[in-house]
Amino acid sequence: MTRSVSIAAISSVLLLALAGCASEPTFGERLASDAERRQSLADEALAAERDIARGETIIREARADRDASEARLREGRGLVEGGRDTLRRIEAETR
């Protein structure tokens, strides 16, 4: 993507330099310059859309992992409480 941006920038600079020395760019030159600019924007937009999709997937997976972790924490806390209750009961019975 950086390469296409660099190529578009170089092309634009060359067109501007030539325009300063010569007549205005022709219709074809203007179309070519616009096409390069649009291609660069399209490349950036596609990359941004890929980033968004990847980010949404990561968020979805993290939420699922968090939900599973919270369930495991509840299970672990229940086991600890149950074990402590059992120990208290046994201690009370052995006094």
PDB file of N, CA and C in Angstrom:
ATOM      1  N   MET A   1       0.826  -1.174   0.000  1.00  0.00           N
ATOM      2  CA  MET A   1       0.000   0.000   0.000  1.00  0.00           C
ATOM      3  C   MET A   1       0.874   1.243   0.000  1.00  0.00           C
ATOM      4  N   THR A   2       1.939   1.240   0.775  1.00  0.00           N
ATOM      5  CA  THR A   2       2.838   2.384   0.833  1.00  0.00           C
ATOM      6  C   THR A   2       3.445   2.644  -0.531  1.00  0.00           C
ATOM      7  N   ARG A   3       3.739   1.554  -1.245  1.00  0.00           N
ATOM      8  CA  ARG A   3       4.335   1.698  -2.572  1.00  0.00           C
ATOM      9  C   ARG A   3       3.363   2.400  -3.516  1.00  0.00           C
ATOM     10  N   SER A   4       2.079   2.030  -3.474  1.00  0.00           N
ATOM     11  CA  SER A   4       1.110   2.660  -4.371  1.00  0.00           C
ATOM     12  C   SER A   4       0.904   4.123  -4.010  1.00  0.00           C
ATOM     13  N   VAL A   5       0.970   4.441  -2.710  1.00  0.00           N
ATOM     14  CA  VAL A   5       0.860   5.834  -2.284  1.00  0.00           C
ATOM     15  C   VAL A   5       2.071   6.619  -2.783  1.00  0.00           C
ATOM     16  N   SER A   6       3.262   6.011  -2.677  1.00  0.00           N
ATOM     17  CA  SER A   6       4.482   6.672  -3.150  1.00  0.00           C
ATOM     18  C   SER A   6       4.427   6.900  -4.647  1.00  0.00           C
ATOM     19  N   ILE A   7       3.976   5.897  -5.383  1.00  0.00           N
ATOM     20  CA  ILE A   7       3.875   6.033  -6.839  1.00  0.00           C
ATOM     21  C   ILE A   7       2.890   7.135  -7.195  1.00  0.00           C
ATOM     22  N   ALA A   8       1.763   7.171  -6.496  1.00  0.00           N
ATOM     23  CA  ALA A   8       0.768   8.209  -6.764  1.00  0.00           C
ATOM     24  C   ALA A   8       1.335   9.590  -6.448  1.00  0.00           C
ATOM     25  N   ALA A   9       2.076   9.694  -5.350  1.00  0.00           N
ATOM     26  CA  ALA A   9       2.660  10.981  -4.970  1.00  0.00           C
ATOM     27  C   ALA A   9       3.693  11.430  -5.991  1.00  0.00           C
ATOM     28  N   ILE A  10       4.543  10.512  -6.420  1.00  0.00           N
ATOM     29  CA  ILE A  10       5.572  10.850  -7.418  1.00  0.00           C
ATOM     30  C   ILE A  10       4.909  11.269  -8.722  1.00  0.00           C
ATOM     31  N   SER A  11       3.894  10.517  -9.129  1.00  0.00           N
ATOM     32  CA  SER A  11       3.188  10.854 -10.370  1.00  0.00           C
ATOM     33  C   SER A  11       2.558  12.233 -10.279  1.00  0.00           C
ATOM     34  N   SER A  12       1.954  12.527  -9.135  1.00  0.00           N
ATOM     35  CA  SER A  12       1.321  13.831  -8.953  1.00  0.00           C
ATOM     36  C   SER A  12       2.347  14.952  -9.001  1.00  0.00           C
ATOM     37  N   VAL A  13       3.499  14.746  -8.349  1.00  0.00           N
ATOM     38  CA  VAL A  13       4.557  15.763  -8.347  1.00  0.00           C
ATOM     39  C   VAL A  13       5.070  15.984  -9.761  1.00  0.00           C
ATOM     40  N   LEU A  14       5.278  14.890 -10.495  1.00  0.00           N
ATOM     41  CA  LEU A  14       5.749  15.021 -11.878  1.00  0.00           C
ATOM     42  C   LEU A  14       4.736  15.765 -12.736  1.00  0.00           C
ATOM     43  N   LEU A  15       3.475  15.447 -12.564  1.00  0.00           N
ATOM     44  CA  LEU A  15       2.448  16.151 -13.333  1.00  0.00           C
ATOM     45  C   LEU A  15       2.429  17.636 -12.991  1.00  0.00           C
ATOM     46  N   LEU A  16       2.565  17.949 -11.710  1.00  0.00           N
ATOM     47  CA  LEU A  16       2.589  19.354 -11.303  1.00  0.00           C
ATOM     48  C   LEU A  16       3.818  20.064 -11.853  1.00  0.00           C
ATOM     49  N   ALA A  17       4.958  19.386 -11.832  1.00  0.00           N
ATOM     50  CA  ALA A  17       6.188  19.983 -12.353  1.00  0.00           C
ATOM     51  C   ALA A  17       6.063  20.234 -13.848  1.00  0.00           C
ATOM     52  N   LEU A  18       5.525  19.268 -14.546  1.00  0.00           N
ATOM     53  CA  LEU A  18       5.341  19.434 -15.986  1.00  0.00           C
ATOM     54  C   LEU A  18       4.308  20.514 -16.287  1.00  0.00           C
ATOM     55  N   ALA A  19       3.311  20.595 -15.442  1.00  0.00           N
ATOM     56  CA  ALA A  19       2.279  21.606 -15.658  1.00  0.00           C
ATOM     57  C   ALA A  19       2.854  23.006 -15.465  1.00  0.00           C
ATOM     58  N   GLY A  20       3.813  23.143 -14.571  1.00  0.00           N
ATOM     59  CA  GLY A  20       4.426  24.450 -14.343  1.00  0.00           C
ATOM     60  C   GLY A  20       5.273  24.880 -15.524  1.00  0.00           C
ATOM     61  N   CYS A  21       5.838  23.938 -16.233  1.00  0.00           N
ATOM     62  CA  CYS A  21       6.716  24.242 -17.360  1.00  0.00           C
ATOM     63  C   CYS A  21       5.970  24.263 -18.681  1.00  0.00           C
ATOM     64  N   ALA A  22       4.871  23.590 -18.746  1.00  0.00           N
ATOM     65  CA  ALA A  22       4.164  23.466 -20.015  1.00  0.00           C
ATOM     66  C   ALA A  22       2.733  23.943 -19.841  1.00  0.00           C
ATOM     67  N   SER A  23       1.925  23.523 -20.760  1.00  0.00           N
ATOM     68  CA  SER A  23       0.517  23.896 -20.700  1.00  0.00           C
ATOM     69  C   SER A  23      -0.194  23.063 -19.640  1.00  0.00           C
ATOM     70  N   GLU A  24      -1.452  23.358 -19.439  1.00  0.00           N
ATOM     71  CA  GLU A  24      -2.242  22.607 -18.465  1.00  0.00           C
ATOM     72  C   GLU A  24      -2.295  21.144 -18.875  1.00  0.00           C
ATOM     73  N   PRO A  25      -2.481  20.246 -17.883  1.00  0.00           N
ATOM     74  CA  PRO A  25      -2.561  18.819 -18.216  1.00  0.00           C
ATOM     75  C   PRO A  25      -3.733  18.550 -19.164  1.00  0.00           C
ATOM     76  N   THR A  26      -3.534  17.586 -20.005  1.00  0.00           N
ATOM     77  CA  THR A  26      -4.599  17.212 -20.925  1.00  0.00           C
ATOM     78  C   THR A  26      -5.691  16.482 -20.161  1.00  0.00           C
ATOM     79  N   PHE A  27      -6.806  16.279 -20.829  1.00  0.00           N
ATOM     80  CA  PHE A  27      -7.916  15.546 -20.226  1.00  0.00           C
ATOM     81  C   PHE A  27      -7.454  14.156 -19.785  1.00  0.00           C
ATOM     82  N   GLY A  28      -6.702  13.481 -20.633  1.00  0.00           N
ATOM     83  CA  GLY A  28      -6.191  12.150 -20.305  1.00  0.00           C
ATOM     84  C   GLY A  28      -5.265  12.173 -19.104  1.00  0.00           C
ATOM     85  N   GLU A  29      -4.403  13.183 -19.024  1.00  0.00           N
ATOM     86  CA  GLU A  29      -3.491  13.302 -17.879  1.00  0.00           C
ATOM     87  C   GLU A  29      -4.269  13.545 -16.592  1.00  0.00           C
ATOM     88  N   ARG A  30      -5.295  14.372 -16.684  1.00  0.00           N
ATOM     89  CA  ARG A  30      -6.129  14.628 -15.497  1.00  0.00           C
ATOM     90  C   ARG A  30      -6.845  13.352 -15.062  1.00  0.00           C
ATOM     91  N   LEU A  31      -7.353  12.604 -16.036  1.00  0.00           N
ATOM     92  CA  LEU A  31      -8.020  11.338 -15.705  1.00  0.00           C
ATOM     93  C   LEU A  31      -7.045  10.359 -15.061  1.00  0.00           C
ATOM     94  N   ALA A  32      -5.833  10.272 -15.609  1.00  0.00           N
ATOM     95  CA  ALA A  32      -4.823   9.364 -15.059  1.00  0.00           C
ATOM     96  C   ALA A  32      -4.470   9.757 -13.634  1.00  0.00           C
ATOM     97  N   SER A  33      -4.295  11.042 -13.405  1.00  0.00           N
ATOM     98  CA  SER A  33      -3.956  11.524 -12.065  1.00  0.00           C
ATOM     99  C   SER A  33      -5.091  11.225 -11.091  1.00  0.00           C
ATOM    100  N   ASP A  34      -6.324  11.460 -11.536  1.00  0.00           N
ATOM    101  CA  ASP A  34      -7.480  11.196 -10.688  1.00  0.00           C
ATOM    102  C   ASP A  34      -7.607   9.699 -10.411  1.00  0.00           C
ATOM    103  N   ALA A  35      -7.335   8.879 -11.421  1.00  0.00           N
ATOM    104  CA  ALA A  35      -7.416   7.425 -11.241  1.00  0.00           C
ATOM    105  C   ALA A  35      -6.394   6.950 -10.217  1.00  0.00           C
ATOM    106  N   GLU A  36      -5.185   7.495 -10.262  1.00  0.00           N
ATOM    107  CA  GLU A  36      -4.149   7.115  -9.290  1.00  0.00           C
ATOM    108  C   GLU A  36      -4.568   7.509  -7.879  1.00  0.00           C
ATOM    109  N   ARG A  37      -5.123   8.710  -7.758  1.00  0.00           N
ATOM    110  CA  ARG A  37      -5.570   9.185  -6.446  1.00  0.00           C
ATOM    111  C   ARG A  37      -6.692   8.293  -5.924  1.00  0.00           C
ATOM    112  N   ARG A  38      -7.643   7.979  -6.784  1.00  0.00           N
ATOM    113  CA  ARG A  38      -8.760   7.122  -6.378  1.00  0.00           C
ATOM    114  C   ARG A  38      -8.278   5.711  -6.019  1.00  0.00           C
ATOM    115  N   GLN A  39      -7.317   5.191  -6.757  1.00  0.00           N
ATOM    116  CA  GLN A  39      -6.783   3.860  -6.454  1.00  0.00           C
ATOM    117  C   GLN A  39      -6.111   3.863  -5.088  1.00  0.00           C
ATOM    118  N   SER A  40      -5.377   4.921  -4.804  1.00  0.00           N
ATOM    119  CA  SER A  40      -4.720   5.042  -3.501  1.00  0.00           C
ATOM    120  C   SER A  40      -5.762   5.088  -2.382  1.00  0.00           C
ATOM    121  N   LEU A  41      -6.819   5.869  -2.592  1.00  0.00           N
ATOM    122  CA  LEU A  41      -7.891   5.948  -1.596  1.00  0.00           C
ATOM    123  C   LEU A  41      -8.605   4.605  -1.455  1.00  0.00           C
ATOM    124  N   ALA A  42      -8.814   3.924  -2.580  1.00  0.00           N
ATOM    125  CA  ALA A  42      -9.467   2.611  -2.534  1.00  0.00           C
ATOM    126  C   ALA A  42      -8.615   1.617  -1.750  1.00  0.00           C
ATOM    127  N   ASP A  43      -7.305   1.635  -1.965  1.00  0.00           N
ATOM    128  CA  ASP A  43      -6.408   0.743  -1.227  1.00  0.00           C
ATOM    129  C   ASP A  43      -6.490   1.013   0.271  1.00  0.00           C
ATOM    130  N   GLU A  44      -6.496   2.286   0.640  1.00  0.00           N
ATOM    131  CA  GLU A  44      -6.597   2.651   2.060  1.00  0.00           C
ATOM    132  C   GLU A  44      -7.938   2.217   2.636  1.00  0.00           C
ATOM    133  N   ALA A  45      -9.021   2.419   1.867  1.00  0.00           N
ATOM    134  CA  ALA A  45     -10.355   2.046   2.334  1.00  0.00           C
ATOM    135  C   ALA A  45     -10.454   0.538   2.542  1.00  0.00           C
ATOM    136  N   LEU A  46      -9.913  -0.233   1.611  1.00  0.00           N
ATOM    137  CA  LEU A  46      -9.940  -1.691   1.749  1.00  0.00           C
ATOM    138  C   LEU A  46      -9.143  -2.151   2.966  1.00  0.00           C
ATOM    139  N   ALA A  47      -8.002  -1.535   3.202  1.00  0.00           N
ATOM    140  CA  ALA A  47      -7.195  -1.871   4.382  1.00  0.00           C
ATOM    141  C   ALA A  47      -7.957  -1.530   5.659  1.00  0.00           C
ATOM    142  N   ALA A  48      -8.628  -0.384   5.660  1.00  0.00           N
ATOM    143  CA  ALA A  48      -9.407   0.024   6.831  1.00  0.00           C
ATOM    144  C   ALA A  48     -10.553  -0.953   7.081  1.00  0.00           C
ATOM    145  N   GLU A  49     -11.219  -1.390   6.009  1.00  0.00           N
ATOM    146  CA  GLU A  49     -12.306  -2.355   6.162  1.00  0.00           C
ATOM    147  C   GLU A  49     -11.795  -3.687   6.702  1.00  0.00           C
ATOM    148  N   ARG A  50     -10.616  -4.118   6.269  1.00  0.00           N
ATOM    149  CA  ARG A  50     -10.017  -5.347   6.807  1.00  0.00           C
ATOM    150  C   ARG A  50      -9.696  -5.177   8.293  1.00  0.00           C
ATOM    151  N   ASP A  51      -9.170  -4.005   8.664  1.00  0.00           N
ATOM    152  CA  ASP A  51      -8.863  -3.737  10.076  1.00  0.00           C
ATOM    153  C   ASP A  51     -10.133  -3.783  10.922  1.00  0.00           C
ATOM    154  N   ILE A  52     -11.208  -3.193  10.411  1.00  0.00           N
ATOM    155  CA  ILE A  52     -12.478  -3.183  11.141  1.00  0.00           C
ATOM    156  C   ILE A  52     -12.983  -4.608  11.341  1.00  0.00           C
ATOM    157  N   ALA A  53     -12.980  -5.404  10.287  1.00  0.00           N
ATOM    158  CA  ALA A  53     -13.457  -6.788  10.382  1.00  0.00           C
ATOM    159  C   ALA A  53     -12.611  -7.588  11.368  1.00  0.00           C
ATOM    160  N   ARG A  54     -11.295  -7.422  11.296  1.00  0.00           N
ATOM    161  CA  ARG A  54     -10.400  -8.140  12.216  1.00  0.00           C
ATOM    162  C   ARG A  54     -10.640  -7.684  13.656  1.00  0.00           C
ATOM    163  N   GLY A  55     -10.804  -6.381  13.856  1.00  0.00           N
ATOM    164  CA  GLY A  55     -11.064  -5.853  15.191  1.00  0.00           C
ATOM    165  C   GLY A  55     -12.370  -6.367  15.768  1.00  0.00           C
ATOM    166  N   GLU A  56     -13.419  -6.417  14.927  1.00  0.00           N
ATOM    167  CA  GLU A  56     -14.706  -6.932  15.393  1.00  0.00           C
ATOM    168  C   GLU A  56     -14.602  -8.406  15.772  1.00  0.00           C
ATOM    169  N   THR A  57     -13.831  -9.173  15.012  1.00  0.00           N
ATOM    170  CA  THR A  57     -13.626 -10.587  15.333  1.00  0.00           C
ATOM    171  C   THR A  57     -12.898 -10.731  16.667  1.00  0.00           C
ATOM    172  N   ILE A  58     -11.864  -9.932  16.870  1.00  0.00           N
ATOM    173  CA  ILE A  58     -11.107  -9.979  18.127  1.00  0.00           C
ATOM    174  C   ILE A  58     -12.007  -9.636  19.302  1.00  0.00           C
ATOM    175  N   ILE A  59     -12.834  -8.606  19.148  1.00  0.00           N
ATOM    176  CA  ILE A  59     -13.747  -8.201  20.225  1.00  0.00           C
ATOM    177  C   ILE A  59     -14.726  -9.330  20.537  1.00  0.00           C
ATOM    178  N   ARG A  60     -15.300  -9.928  19.492  1.00  0.00           N
ATOM    179  CA  ARG A  60     -16.256 -11.019  19.671  1.00  0.00           C
ATOM    180  C   ARG A  60     -15.602 -12.201  20.399  1.00  0.00           C
ATOM    181  N   GLU A  61     -14.385 -12.567  19.983  1.00  0.00           N
ATOM    182  CA  GLU A  61     -13.676 -13.681  20.625  1.00  0.00           C
ATOM    183  C   GLU A  61     -13.322 -13.351  22.072  1.00  0.00           C
ATOM    184  N   ALA A  62     -12.909 -12.116  22.318  1.00  0.00           N
ATOM    185  CA  ALA A  62     -12.542 -11.714  23.683  1.00  0.00           C
ATOM    186  C   ALA A  62     -13.759 -11.759  24.596  1.00  0.00           C
ATOM    187  N   ARG A  63     -14.910 -11.339  24.074  1.00  0.00           N
ATOM    188  CA  ARG A  63     -16.131 -11.394  24.890  1.00  0.00           C
ATOM    189  C   ARG A  63     -16.497 -12.837  25.216  1.00  0.00           C
ATOM    190  N   ALA A  64     -16.367 -13.723  24.240  1.00  0.00           N
ATOM    191  CA  ALA A  64     -16.666 -15.141  24.482  1.00  0.00           C
ATOM    192  C   ALA A  64     -15.694 -15.714  25.510  1.00  0.00           C
ATOM    193  N   ASP A  65     -14.417 -15.372  25.380  1.00  0.00           N
ATOM    194  CA  ASP A  65     -13.413 -15.831  26.347  1.00  0.00           C
ATOM    195  C   ASP A  65     -13.721 -15.288  27.737  1.00  0.00           C
ATOM    196  N   ARG A  66     -14.130 -14.016  27.797  1.00  0.00           N
ATOM    197  CA  ARG A  66     -14.450 -13.403  29.086  1.00  0.00           C
ATOM    198  C   ARG A  66     -15.637 -14.111  29.725  1.00  0.00           C
ATOM    199  N   ASP A  67     -16.674 -14.389  28.915  1.00  0.00           N
ATOM    200  CA  ASP A  67     -17.847 -15.081  29.450  1.00  0.00           C
ATOM    201  C   ASP A  67     -17.467 -16.460  29.989  1.00  0.00           C
ATOM    202  N   ALA A  68     -16.627 -17.176  29.245  1.00  0.00           N
ATOM    203  CA  ALA A  68     -16.177 -18.498  29.696  1.00  0.00           C
ATOM    204  C   ALA A  68     -15.348 -18.367  30.970  1.00  0.00           C
ATOM    205  N   SER A  69     -14.504 -17.356  31.039  1.00  0.00           N
ATOM    206  CA  SER A  69     -13.672 -17.139  32.234  1.00  0.00           C
ATOM    207  C   SER A  69     -14.538 -16.808  33.439  1.00  0.00           C
ATOM    208  N   GLU A  70     -15.561 -15.985  33.231  1.00  0.00           N
ATOM    209  CA  GLU A  70     -16.446 -15.635  34.340  1.00  0.00           C
ATOM    210  C   GLU A  70     -17.193 -16.866  34.846  1.00  0.00           C
ATOM    211  N   ALA A  71     -17.599 -17.744  33.935  1.00  0.00           N
ATOM    212  CA  ALA A  71     -18.274 -18.981  34.346  1.00  0.00           C
ATOM    213  C   ALA A  71     -17.321 -19.858  35.162  1.00  0.00           C
ATOM    214  N   ARG A  72     -16.073 -19.956  34.716  1.00  0.00           N
ATOM    215  CA  ARG A  72     -15.072 -20.745  35.458  1.00  0.00           C
ATOM    216  C   ARG A  72     -14.805 -20.125  36.829  1.00  0.00           C
ATOM    217  N   LEU A  73     -14.765 -18.800  36.901  1.00  0.00           N
ATOM    218  CA  LEU A  73     -14.571 -18.138  38.193  1.00  0.00           C
ATOM    219  C   LEU A  73     -15.727 -18.452  39.138  1.00  0.00           C
ATOM    220  N   ARG A  74     -16.958 -18.381  38.616  1.00  0.00           N
ATOM    221  CA  ARG A  74     -18.119 -18.712  39.453  1.00  0.00           C
ATOM    222  C   ARG A  74     -18.030 -20.154  39.946  1.00  0.00           C
ATOM    223  N   GLU A  75     -17.647 -21.056  39.051  1.00  0.00           N
ATOM    224  CA  GLU A  75     -17.505 -22.466  39.428  1.00  0.00           C
ATOM    225  C   GLU A  75     -16.431 -22.624  40.505  1.00  0.00           C
ATOM    226  N   GLY A  76     -15.293 -21.969  40.313  1.00  0.00           N
ATOM    227  CA  GLY A  76     -14.203 -22.045  41.285  1.00  0.00           C
ATOM    228  C   GLY A  76     -14.601 -21.473  42.631  1.00  0.00           C
ATOM    229  N   ARG A  77     -15.270 -20.331  42.615  1.00  0.00           N
ATOM    230  CA  ARG A  77     -15.722 -19.722  43.880  1.00  0.00           C
ATOM    231  C   ARG A  77     -16.714 -20.633  44.595  1.00  0.00           C
ATOM    232  N   GLY A  78     -17.595 -21.262  43.823  1.00  0.00           N
ATOM    233  CA  GLY A  78     -18.561 -22.189  44.416  1.00  0.00           C
ATOM    234  C   GLY A  78     -17.870 -23.366  45.085  1.00  0.00           C
ATOM    235  N   LEU A  79     -16.848 -23.905  44.429  1.00  0.00           N
ATOM    236  CA  LEU A  79     -16.094 -25.021  45.014  1.00  0.00           C
ATOM    237  C   LEU A  79     -15.377 -24.598  46.288  1.00  0.00           C
ATOM    238  N   VAL A  80     -14.768 -23.412  46.268  1.00  0.00           N
ATOM    239  CA  VAL A  80     -14.062 -22.912  47.458  1.00  0.00           C
ATOM    240  C   VAL A  80     -15.052 -22.726  48.604  1.00  0.00           C
ATOM    241  N   GLU A  81     -16.177 -22.091  48.326  1.00  0.00           N
ATOM    242  CA  GLU A  81     -17.177 -21.875  49.381  1.00  0.00           C
ATOM    243  C   GLU A  81     -17.713 -23.201  49.911  1.00  0.00           C
ATOM    244  N   GLY A  82     -18.012 -24.114  48.991  1.00  0.00           N
ATOM    245  CA  GLY A  82     -18.509 -25.434  49.415  1.00  0.00           C
ATOM    246  C   GLY A  82     -17.491 -26.155  50.280  1.00  0.00           C
ATOM    247  N   GLY A  83     -16.223 -26.116  49.882  1.00  0.00           N
ATOM    248  CA  GLY A  83     -15.163 -26.747  50.666  1.00  0.00           C
ATOM    249  C   GLY A  83     -15.020 -26.103  52.031  1.00  0.00           C
ATOM    250  N   ARG A  84     -15.075 -24.786  52.095  1.00  0.00           N
ATOM    251  CA  ARG A  84     -14.964 -24.090  53.392  1.00  0.00           C
ATOM    252  C   ARG A  84     -16.150 -24.418  54.294  1.00  0.00           C
ATOM    253  N   ASP A  85     -17.345 -24.448  53.699  1.00  0.00           N
ATOM    254  CA  ASP A  85     -18.529 -24.800  54.495  1.00  0.00           C
ATOM    255  C   ASP A  85     -18.391 -26.207  55.078  1.00  0.00           C
ATOM    256  N   THR A  86     -17.895 -27.132  54.261  1.00  0.00           N
ATOM    257  CA  THR A  86     -17.701 -28.508  54.729  1.00  0.00           C
ATOM    258  C   THR A  86     -16.688 -28.544  55.869  1.00  0.00           C
ATOM    259  N   LEU A  87     -15.569 -27.820  55.720  1.00  0.00           N
ATOM    260  CA  LEU A  87     -14.564 -27.785  56.795  1.00  0.00           C
ATOM    261  C   LEU A  87     -15.131 -27.180  58.069  1.00  0.00           C
ATOM    262  N   ARG A  88     -15.910 -26.119  57.952  1.00  0.00           N
ATOM    263  CA  ARG A  88     -16.514 -25.509  59.145  1.00  0.00           C
ATOM    264  C   ARG A  88     -17.457 -26.491  59.839  1.00  0.00           C
ATOM    265  N   ARG A  89     -18.252 -27.200  59.035  1.00  0.00           N
ATOM    266  CA  ARG A  89     -19.181 -28.171  59.606  1.00  0.00           C
ATOM    267  C   ARG A  89     -18.428 -29.278  60.341  1.00  0.00           C
ATOM    268  N   ILE A  90     -17.364 -29.776  59.706  1.00  0.00           N
ATOM    269  CA  ILE A  90     -16.572 -30.849  60.322  1.00  0.00           C
ATOM    270  C   ILE A  90     -15.915 -30.345  61.605  1.00  0.00           C
ATOM    271  N   GLU A  91     -15.365 -29.132  61.580  1.00  0.00           N
ATOM    272  CA  GLU A  91     -14.744 -28.567  62.786  1.00  0.00           C
ATOM    273  C   GLU A  91     -15.764 -28.420  63.898  1.00  0.00           C
ATOM    274  N   ALA A  92     -16.961 -27.972  63.543  1.00  0.00           N
ATOM    275  CA  ALA A  92     -18.002 -27.796  64.559  1.00  0.00           C
ATOM    276  C   ALA A  92     -18.412 -29.144  65.155  1.00  0.00           C
ATOM    277  N   GLU A  93     -18.464 -30.176  64.343  1.00  0.00           N
ATOM    278  CA  GLU A  93     -18.861 -31.504  64.828  1.00  0.00           C
ATOM    279  C   GLU A  93     -17.781 -32.155  65.686  1.00  0.00           C
ATOM    280  N   THR A  94     -16.519 -31.756  65.508  1.00  0.00           N
ATOM    281  CA  THR A  94     -15.429 -32.400  66.253  1.00  0.00           C
ATOM    282  C   THR A  94     -15.049 -31.644  67.509  1.00  0.00           C
ATOM    283  N   ARG A  95     -15.747 -30.635  67.870  1.00  0.00           N
ATOM    284  CA  ARG A  95     -15.418 -29.896  69.099  1.00  0.00           C
ATOM    285  C   ARG A  95     -15.998 -30.539  70.298  1.00  0.00           C
TER     286      ARG A  95
END
